[in-house]
Amino acid sequence: MTLKHLICDCDGVLLDSESVALAAILDGLSGRMERAQLDAFLRPRLGMTLHHIADDMARVLGLHLTHDETMHLEASVEDRCIVEAQAIDGVRNALRKVALPMAVASNSSQPRVEAGLRNAGLWTLFAGRIYTPGRGLRPKPAPDLYRAACQGLTADPATTLVLEDSVAGVTAARAAGLTVLGFVGARHGEPAAAQRLRDAGATDVFDDMTTLPARLAAWH
């Protein structure tokens, strides 16, 4: 594989924000179900939209949220992530050493992604190449965001690598014909996460963003 383009997920890859989102959901559902049970249910689903998570919650746990409750919870996650999320350790320096055209493909809202990248000092690396749901693009695990990012970069999927931290994201990227490198170095990571990403189709998994330039160089 001759690597020519790089597409990054945002939450859990560029921003250490999934732990913030998890805490916001758990706090918002406090008293509705035992916290440890909810935590175990949510961790494998981080990276999905909250509406998809709510559907799974009703189906798997029997915990039903109204539309208003889901929207309120989504707003809480959005607000807290914008304020509290920080850059993944080492990601700024790592990406500045990567001489590849890059884009972001994220299930989060455009305002949240843009605010997060600005706060993390990553905006200039991705400005104008941020793809989020809407305008006919379905969220992950559908492949739409990754297909749109490839189109925007004029990138061949066969020479494009994706950085992902979620099963939904890996599934989406693989459906778009892309190779995926899984990342499990964010605060929400757990021992089972690496195997979940491999099972979903990630070619390899790593947990230290400072090693990214060397890993990408190995793809050439």
C-alpha atoms as a PDB file:
ATOM      1  CA  MET A   1       0.000   0.000   0.000  1.00  0.00           C
ATOM      2  CA  THR A   2       1.378   3.408  -1.019  1.00  0.00           C
ATOM      3  CA  LEU A   3      -0.179   5.789   1.465  1.00  0.00           C
ATOM      4  CA  LYS A   4      -1.295   9.102  -0.066  1.00  0.00           C
ATOM      5  CA  HIS A   5      -4.124  10.395   2.181  1.00  0.00           C
ATOM      6  CA  LEU A   6      -5.134  10.197   5.841  1.00  0.00           C
ATOM      7  CA  ILE A   7      -8.677  10.500   7.247  1.00  0.00           C
ATOM      8  CA  CYS A   8      -9.154  10.817  11.003  1.00  0.00           C
ATOM      9  CA  ASP A   9     -12.122  10.290  13.231  1.00  0.00           C
ATOM     10  CA  CYS A  10     -12.386  13.150  15.723  1.00  0.00           C
ATOM     11  CA  ASP A  11     -13.635  11.997  19.147  1.00  0.00           C
ATOM     12  CA  GLY A  12     -11.243   9.482  20.656  1.00  0.00           C
ATOM     13  CA  VAL A  13      -8.616   9.983  17.935  1.00  0.00           C
ATOM     14  CA  LEU A  14      -7.924  13.719  17.747  1.00  0.00           C
ATOM     15  CA  LEU A  15      -9.805  14.761  20.878  1.00  0.00           C
ATOM     16  CA  ASP A  16      -9.883  12.887  24.164  1.00  0.00           C
ATOM     17  CA  SER A  17     -13.621  13.480  24.341  1.00  0.00           C
ATOM     18  CA  GLU A  18     -15.327  10.096  24.480  1.00  0.00           C
ATOM     19  CA  SER A  19     -14.715   9.860  28.230  1.00  0.00           C
ATOM     20  CA  VAL A  20     -16.396  13.272  28.568  1.00  0.00           C
ATOM     21  CA  ALA A  21     -19.363  12.091  26.490  1.00  0.00           C
ATOM     22  CA  LEU A  22     -19.591   8.895  28.536  1.00  0.00           C
ATOM     23  CA  ALA A  23     -19.656  10.820  31.809  1.00  0.00           C
ATOM     24  CA  ALA A  24     -22.306  13.199  30.444  1.00  0.00           C
ATOM     25  CA  ILE A  25     -24.570  10.311  29.427  1.00  0.00           C
ATOM     26  CA  LEU A  26     -24.089   8.497  32.720  1.00  0.00           C
ATOM     27  CA  ASP A  27     -24.809  11.673  34.687  1.00  0.00           C
ATOM     28  CA  GLY A  28     -27.867  12.394  32.553  1.00  0.00           C
ATOM     29  CA  LEU A  29     -29.273   8.928  33.193  1.00  0.00           C
ATOM     30  CA  SER A  30     -28.430   8.884  36.886  1.00  0.00           C
ATOM     31  CA  GLY A  31     -31.089   6.999  38.802  1.00  0.00           C
ATOM     32  CA  ARG A  32     -32.536   5.343  35.706  1.00  0.00           C
ATOM     33  CA  MET A  33     -30.297   2.284  35.911  1.00  0.00           C
ATOM     34  CA  GLU A  34     -27.295   1.038  37.870  1.00  0.00           C
ATOM     35  CA  ARG A  35     -24.272   3.091  36.720  1.00  0.00           C
ATOM     36  CA  ALA A  36     -21.860   0.171  36.245  1.00  0.00           C
ATOM     37  CA  GLN A  37     -24.376  -1.648  34.044  1.00  0.00           C
ATOM     38  CA  LEU A  38     -24.886   1.447  31.911  1.00  0.00           C
ATOM     39  CA  ASP A  39     -21.143   2.006  31.672  1.00  0.00           C
ATOM     40  CA  ALA A  40     -20.575  -1.545  30.419  1.00  0.00           C
ATOM     41  CA  PHE A  41     -23.382  -1.105  27.877  1.00  0.00           C
ATOM     42  CA  LEU A  42     -22.162   2.275  26.611  1.00  0.00           C
ATOM     43  CA  ARG A  43     -18.420   1.737  26.176  1.00  0.00           C
ATOM     44  CA  PRO A  44     -18.650  -0.580  23.137  1.00  0.00           C
ATOM     45  CA  ARG A  45     -21.115   1.876  21.555  1.00  0.00           C
ATOM     46  CA  LEU A  46     -19.088   5.048  21.909  1.00  0.00           C
ATOM     47  CA  GLY A  47     -18.713   6.542  18.454  1.00  0.00           C
ATOM     48  CA  MET A  48     -22.340   5.867  17.546  1.00  0.00           C
ATOM     49  CA  THR A  49     -24.815   8.738  17.473  1.00  0.00           C
ATOM     50  CA  LEU A  50     -26.819   9.225  20.635  1.00  0.00           C
ATOM     51  CA  HIS A  51     -30.018   8.394  18.754  1.00  0.00           C
ATOM     52  CA  HIS A  52     -28.571   5.020  17.749  1.00  0.00           C
ATOM     53  CA  ILE A  53     -27.409   4.441  21.318  1.00  0.00           C
ATOM     54  CA  ALA A  54     -30.900   5.285  22.597  1.00  0.00           C
ATOM     55  CA  ASP A  55     -32.425   2.772  20.167  1.00  0.00           C
ATOM     56  CA  ASP A  56     -30.032   0.081  21.399  1.00  0.00           C
ATOM     57  CA  MET A  57     -30.741   1.061  24.997  1.00  0.00           C
ATOM     58  CA  ALA A  58     -34.451   0.460  24.486  1.00  0.00           C
ATOM     59  CA  ARG A  59     -33.880  -2.819  22.658  1.00  0.00           C
ATOM     60  CA  VAL A  60     -31.155  -4.298  24.866  1.00  0.00           C
ATOM     61  CA  LEU A  61     -31.795  -2.792  28.302  1.00  0.00           C
ATOM     62  CA  GLY A  62     -35.476  -1.948  28.101  1.00  0.00           C
ATOM     63  CA  LEU A  63     -34.614   1.647  29.007  1.00  0.00           C
ATOM     64  CA  HIS A  64     -36.729   3.906  26.829  1.00  0.00           C
ATOM     65  CA  LEU A  65     -35.972   7.611  26.349  1.00  0.00           C
ATOM     66  CA  THR A  66     -38.461  10.034  24.909  1.00  0.00           C
ATOM     67  CA  HIS A  67     -37.428  12.190  21.975  1.00  0.00           C
ATOM     68  CA  ASP A  68     -37.124  15.198  24.291  1.00  0.00           C
ATOM     69  CA  GLU A  69     -34.997  13.238  26.771  1.00  0.00           C
ATOM     70  CA  THR A  70     -32.679  12.111  23.982  1.00  0.00           C
ATOM     71  CA  MET A  71     -32.347  15.651  22.655  1.00  0.00           C
ATOM     72  CA  HIS A  72     -31.645  17.006  26.144  1.00  0.00           C
ATOM     73  CA  LEU A  73     -29.000  14.340  26.704  1.00  0.00           C
ATOM     74  CA  GLU A  74     -27.448  15.077  23.324  1.00  0.00           C
ATOM     75  CA  ALA A  75     -27.258  18.794  24.153  1.00  0.00           C
ATOM     76  CA  SER A  76     -25.554  17.995  27.467  1.00  0.00           C
ATOM     77  CA  VAL A  77     -22.971  15.823  25.729  1.00  0.00           C
ATOM     78  CA  GLU A  78     -22.384  18.530  23.128  1.00  0.00           C
ATOM     79  CA  ASP A  79     -21.913  21.278  25.712  1.00  0.00           C
ATOM     80  CA  ARG A  80     -19.576  19.308  27.940  1.00  0.00           C
ATOM     81  CA  CYS A  81     -17.432  18.021  25.083  1.00  0.00           C
ATOM     82  CA  ILE A  82     -16.937  21.523  23.679  1.00  0.00           C
ATOM     83  CA  VAL A  83     -15.825  22.814  27.087  1.00  0.00           C
ATOM     84  CA  GLU A  84     -13.947  19.827  28.536  1.00  0.00           C
ATOM     85  CA  ALA A  85     -12.402  17.890  25.639  1.00  0.00           C
ATOM     86  CA  GLN A  86      -8.645  18.142  25.189  1.00  0.00           C
ATOM     87  CA  ALA A  87      -6.330  17.031  22.407  1.00  0.00           C
ATOM     88  CA  ILE A  88      -5.146  13.429  22.548  1.00  0.00           C
ATOM     89  CA  ASP A  89      -1.658  13.347  24.068  1.00  0.00           C
ATOM     90  CA  GLY A  90       0.939  13.827  21.350  1.00  0.00           C
ATOM     91  CA  VAL A  91      -1.492  14.233  18.463  1.00  0.00           C
ATOM     92  CA  ARG A  92      -0.548  17.800  17.510  1.00  0.00           C
ATOM     93  CA  ASN A  93       3.155  17.066  17.098  1.00  0.00           C
ATOM     94  CA  ALA A  94       2.447  13.718  15.460  1.00  0.00           C
ATOM     95  CA  LEU A  95       0.174  15.142  12.773  1.00  0.00           C
ATOM     96  CA  ARG A  96       2.523  18.032  12.030  1.00  0.00           C
ATOM     97  CA  LYS A  97       5.109  15.440  11.062  1.00  0.00           C
ATOM     98  CA  VAL A  98       2.709  13.747   8.628  1.00  0.00           C
ATOM     99  CA  ALA A  99       3.177  15.086   5.102  1.00  0.00           C
ATOM    100  CA  LEU A 100      -0.165  13.841   3.775  1.00  0.00           C
ATOM    101  CA  PRO A 101      -3.429  15.571   2.831  1.00  0.00           C
ATOM    102  CA  MET A 102      -5.822  14.956   5.736  1.00  0.00           C
ATOM    103  CA  ALA A 103      -9.537  15.147   6.506  1.00  0.00           C
ATOM    104  CA  VAL A 104     -11.853  14.513   9.445  1.00  0.00           C
ATOM    105  CA  ALA A 105     -14.915  12.242   9.289  1.00  0.00           C
ATOM    106  CA  SER A 106     -16.963  12.397  12.498  1.00  0.00           C
ATOM    107  CA  ASN A 107     -20.418  11.477  13.774  1.00  0.00           C
ATOM    108  CA  SER A 108     -20.396  14.590  15.958  1.00  0.00           C
ATOM    109  CA  SER A 109     -22.021  17.853  14.882  1.00  0.00           C
ATOM    110  CA  GLN A 110     -20.099  20.287  12.715  1.00  0.00           C
ATOM    111  CA  PRO A 111     -20.051  23.008  15.427  1.00  0.00           C
ATOM    112  CA  ARG A 112     -18.760  20.549  18.035  1.00  0.00           C
ATOM    113  CA  VAL A 113     -16.003  19.241  15.756  1.00  0.00           C
ATOM    114  CA  GLU A 114     -14.947  22.714  14.672  1.00  0.00           C
ATOM    115  CA  ALA A 115     -14.905  24.055  18.231  1.00  0.00           C
ATOM    116  CA  GLY A 116     -12.983  21.036  19.462  1.00  0.00           C
ATOM    117  CA  LEU A 117     -10.343  21.284  16.756  1.00  0.00           C
ATOM    118  CA  ARG A 118      -9.895  25.001  17.371  1.00  0.00           C
ATOM    119  CA  ASN A 119      -9.555  24.479  21.130  1.00  0.00           C
ATOM    120  CA  ALA A 120      -7.044  21.672  20.567  1.00  0.00           C
ATOM    121  CA  GLY A 121      -4.886  23.651  18.136  1.00  0.00           C
ATOM    122  CA  LEU A 122      -5.686  21.316  15.238  1.00  0.00           C
ATOM    123  CA  TRP A 123      -7.941  23.548  13.153  1.00  0.00           C
ATOM    124  CA  THR A 124      -5.411  24.561  10.506  1.00  0.00           C
ATOM    125  CA  LEU A 125      -4.656  20.915   9.710  1.00  0.00           C
ATOM    126  CA  PHE A 126      -8.272  20.141   8.773  1.00  0.00           C
ATOM    127  CA  ALA A 127     -10.045  23.420   7.922  1.00  0.00           C
ATOM    128  CA  GLY A 128     -12.341  22.924   4.949  1.00  0.00           C
ATOM    129  CA  ARG A 129     -12.035  19.139   5.102  1.00  0.00           C
ATOM    130  CA  ILE A 130     -14.436  18.207   7.905  1.00  0.00           C
ATOM    131  CA  TYR A 131     -17.265  15.769   7.166  1.00  0.00           C
ATOM    132  CA  THR A 132     -20.175  15.277   9.558  1.00  0.00           C
ATOM    133  CA  PRO A 133     -23.714  13.843   9.204  1.00  0.00           C
ATOM    134  CA  GLY A 134     -26.314  15.888   7.365  1.00  0.00           C
ATOM    135  CA  ARG A 135     -26.891  17.067   3.819  1.00  0.00           C
ATOM    136  CA  GLY A 136     -27.658  13.508   2.805  1.00  0.00           C
ATOM    137  CA  LEU A 137     -24.697  11.932   4.654  1.00  0.00           C
ATOM    138  CA  ARG A 138     -25.693   9.187   7.064  1.00  0.00           C
ATOM    139  CA  PRO A 139     -23.707   8.713  10.291  1.00  0.00           C
ATOM    140  CA  LYS A 140     -21.351   5.811  10.905  1.00  0.00           C
ATOM    141  CA  PRO A 141     -21.588   2.817  10.686  1.00  0.00           C
ATOM    142  CA  ALA A 142     -22.867   3.811   7.225  1.00  0.00           C
ATOM    143  CA  PRO A 143     -19.915   4.511   4.874  1.00  0.00           C
ATOM    144  CA  ASP A 144     -21.186   7.916   3.684  1.00  0.00           C
ATOM    145  CA  LEU A 145     -18.817  10.132   5.685  1.00  0.00           C
ATOM    146  CA  TYR A 146     -15.733   8.261   4.544  1.00  0.00           C
ATOM    147  CA  ARG A 147     -16.867   8.219   0.941  1.00  0.00           C
ATOM    148  CA  ALA A 148     -17.487  11.971   1.101  1.00  0.00           C
ATOM    149  CA  ALA A 149     -14.067  12.568   2.672  1.00  0.00           C
ATOM    150  CA  CYS A 150     -12.378  10.569  -0.089  1.00  0.00           C
ATOM    151  CA  GLN A 151     -14.278  12.550  -2.687  1.00  0.00           C
ATOM    152  CA  GLY A 152     -13.327  15.844  -1.033  1.00  0.00           C
ATOM    153  CA  LEU A 153      -9.651  14.846  -0.935  1.00  0.00           C
ATOM    154  CA  THR A 154      -9.809  13.348  -4.446  1.00  0.00           C
ATOM    155  CA  ALA A 155      -8.441  10.266  -2.723  1.00  0.00           C
ATOM    156  CA  ASP A 156      -8.369   6.671  -3.899  1.00  0.00           C
ATOM    157  CA  PRO A 157      -9.640   4.423  -1.067  1.00  0.00           C
ATOM    158  CA  ALA A 158      -6.897   1.941  -1.957  1.00  0.00           C
ATOM    159  CA  THR A 159      -4.212   4.458  -0.929  1.00  0.00           C
ATOM    160  CA  THR A 160      -6.043   6.087   1.990  1.00  0.00           C
ATOM    161  CA  LEU A 161      -5.660   5.193   5.663  1.00  0.00           C
ATOM    162  CA  VAL A 162      -8.227   5.870   8.393  1.00  0.00           C
ATOM    163  CA  LEU A 163      -7.577   6.381  12.114  1.00  0.00           C
ATOM    164  CA  GLU A 164     -10.527   5.138  14.179  1.00  0.00           C
ATOM    165  CA  ASP A 165     -11.313   4.276  17.782  1.00  0.00           C
ATOM    166  CA  SER A 166     -14.831   2.828  17.493  1.00  0.00           C
ATOM    167  CA  VAL A 167     -16.469  -0.252  16.028  1.00  0.00           C
ATOM    168  CA  ALA A 168     -18.995   1.953  14.224  1.00  0.00           C
ATOM    169  CA  GLY A 169     -16.178   3.936  12.650  1.00  0.00           C
ATOM    170  CA  VAL A 170     -14.130   0.914  11.612  1.00  0.00           C
ATOM    171  CA  THR A 171     -17.254  -0.647  10.115  1.00  0.00           C
ATOM    172  CA  ALA A 172     -17.987   2.528   8.152  1.00  0.00           C
ATOM    173  CA  ALA A 173     -14.440   2.886   6.844  1.00  0.00           C
ATOM    174  CA  ARG A 174     -14.176  -0.747   5.787  1.00  0.00           C
ATOM    175  CA  ALA A 175     -17.540  -0.483   3.996  1.00  0.00           C
ATOM    176  CA  ALA A 176     -16.078   2.465   2.065  1.00  0.00           C
ATOM    177  CA  GLY A 177     -13.124   0.306   0.991  1.00  0.00           C
ATOM    178  CA  LEU A 178     -10.572   1.915   3.307  1.00  0.00           C
ATOM    179  CA  THR A 179      -7.793   0.461   5.409  1.00  0.00           C
ATOM    180  CA  VAL A 180      -8.109   1.230   9.129  1.00  0.00           C
ATOM    181  CA  LEU A 181      -5.572   1.709  11.884  1.00  0.00           C
ATOM    182  CA  GLY A 182      -7.284   1.475  15.265  1.00  0.00           C
ATOM    183  CA  PHE A 183      -6.405   3.748  18.177  1.00  0.00           C
ATOM    184  CA  VAL A 184      -7.035   2.809  21.819  1.00  0.00           C
ATOM    185  CA  GLY A 185      -4.953   5.390  23.693  1.00  0.00           C
ATOM    186  CA  ALA A 186      -7.735   7.737  24.812  1.00  0.00           C
ATOM    187  CA  ARG A 187      -8.982   7.843  28.416  1.00  0.00           C
ATOM    188  CA  HIS A 188     -12.118   5.818  27.645  1.00  0.00           C
ATOM    189  CA  GLY A 189     -10.037   2.889  26.386  1.00  0.00           C
ATOM    190  CA  GLU A 190     -10.387  -0.533  27.982  1.00  0.00           C
ATOM    191  CA  PRO A 191      -8.619  -3.889  27.488  1.00  0.00           C
ATOM    192  CA  ALA A 192     -11.340  -5.316  25.241  1.00  0.00           C
ATOM    193  CA  ALA A 193     -11.352  -2.327  22.881  1.00  0.00           C
ATOM    194  CA  ALA A 194      -8.368  -3.398  20.774  1.00  0.00           C
ATOM    195  CA  GLN A 195      -9.866  -6.778  19.973  1.00  0.00           C
ATOM    196  CA  ARG A 196     -13.233  -5.203  19.123  1.00  0.00           C
ATOM    197  CA  LEU A 197     -11.542  -2.957  16.569  1.00  0.00           C
ATOM    198  CA  ARG A 198      -9.640  -5.868  15.058  1.00  0.00           C
ATOM    199  CA  ASP A 199     -12.817  -7.931  14.883  1.00  0.00           C
ATOM    200  CA  ALA A 200     -14.535  -5.030  13.087  1.00  0.00           C
ATOM    201  CA  GLY A 201     -11.790  -4.941  10.455  1.00  0.00           C
ATOM    202  CA  ALA A 202      -8.901  -2.785  11.716  1.00  0.00           C
ATOM    203  CA  THR A 203      -5.612  -3.934  10.218  1.00  0.00           C
ATOM    204  CA  ASP A 204      -3.655  -2.996  13.322  1.00  0.00           C
ATOM    205  CA  VAL A 205      -4.225  -1.217  16.649  1.00  0.00           C
ATOM    206  CA  PHE A 206      -1.967   1.144  18.634  1.00  0.00           C
ATOM    207  CA  ASP A 207      -2.212   3.178  21.834  1.00  0.00           C
ATOM    208  CA  ASP A 208       0.519   5.858  21.627  1.00  0.00           C
ATOM    209  CA  MET A 209      -0.073   8.756  19.243  1.00  0.00           C
ATOM    210  CA  THR A 210       3.587   9.780  19.331  1.00  0.00           C
ATOM    211  CA  THR A 211       4.364   6.646  17.304  1.00  0.00           C
ATOM    212  CA  LEU A 212       1.992   7.632  14.474  1.00  0.00           C
ATOM    213  CA  PRO A 213       4.566   9.191  12.071  1.00  0.00           C
ATOM    214  CA  ALA A 214       6.717   6.064  12.194  1.00  0.00           C
ATOM    215  CA  ARG A 215       3.694   3.837  11.727  1.00  0.00           C
ATOM    216  CA  LEU A 216       2.553   5.804   8.692  1.00  0.00           C
ATOM    217  CA  ALA A 217       6.055   5.770   7.223  1.00  0.00           C
ATOM    218  CA  ALA A 218       5.950   1.977   7.412  1.00  0.00           C
ATOM    219  CA  TRP A 219       2.949   1.969   5.061  1.00  0.00           C
ATOM    220  CA  HIS A 220       4.982   3.416   2.183  1.00  0.00           C
END
